[in-house]
């Protein structure tokens, strides 16, 4: 049983590393050991292990350096029936790691490489918990939703600016849409939305191959495809087709496109022409901007033979 758990963990870790590389978090540091710098709060620890460390310049908030501290939990073949208590344990451990990373020489050395090339006004430490299990039957479990009401005692003392949970459902969703984008939208990049904090045109990055941590557990992920002189907007969503969601996504697409997009693709997992085409027509007819409506195409990222 112990060997099986070890093997599951090894396979899960490798899957997590593949996922991180796939979302553009390349050249991160694996298996980083940092000294424990808070022996009062962590009396039983001499070191902490960072499974993966990715430091990058944030495209959504200019002149901010993001320290993404990743913890991978992948030793089980199922999630707990009631996952709140396990989540709290994982987040507390991740907070302890972030606390000691923040005081470490490794952080200072890593940041010095960036500061030589760029000027950063802010830095942030974010925790990323990749919690996956080796069981396809668990792929539809939404841990973000299941743990959304969890009460975490002492969270104000946690040592990260924000924490992001990637469960099996989210990881497989992102993996699937990236494969779909590779096949259907050659030259794609993640589209970095206007936030009000990335307004300086001289240093603005509008798109790229790196998925910002803010997108990592978002239900909607925006892409841009450059095709010759044309540019297309591509919006993927994890949620099944619904009329209200389509309206919201059209509104988002309209905001993102700024009239430059040739085509706007809105892509659901379960869309079919047979079931949903007339709903799409009804929604499009309710908008007044005819130019935008002509650009909208609604499709599925599932590989159906008959759509």
Foldseek 3Di string as FASTA:
>chain_A
DVVLLVVQQVVQLVLVVVLCVQLVQPPWDAFDKFAQPCCPVVVPGGIATQGTWGWDQDQAAHLEIETEGEDEAERAQAADPQNLVVVLVVQQSQLSNLVRCVVTPVVVVVVVVVVVPDHHPYYFYEYEYEYEYNYPVCLPPDVCVSNVPRDHPPPVPRNGPYYHYHYNNLSVQVVLVSVLCVVPFPQKWFAHDHDVNQPDPVPHDGTHSHDDPVCSPPQKTWMWGDDPQAIEIEIEGADADDLVVVLVVLVVCVRRCVPRHQAYEYEYADDACVPCVVSLVVSLVVDDPPNSSVRYDYYYSDDDPHD
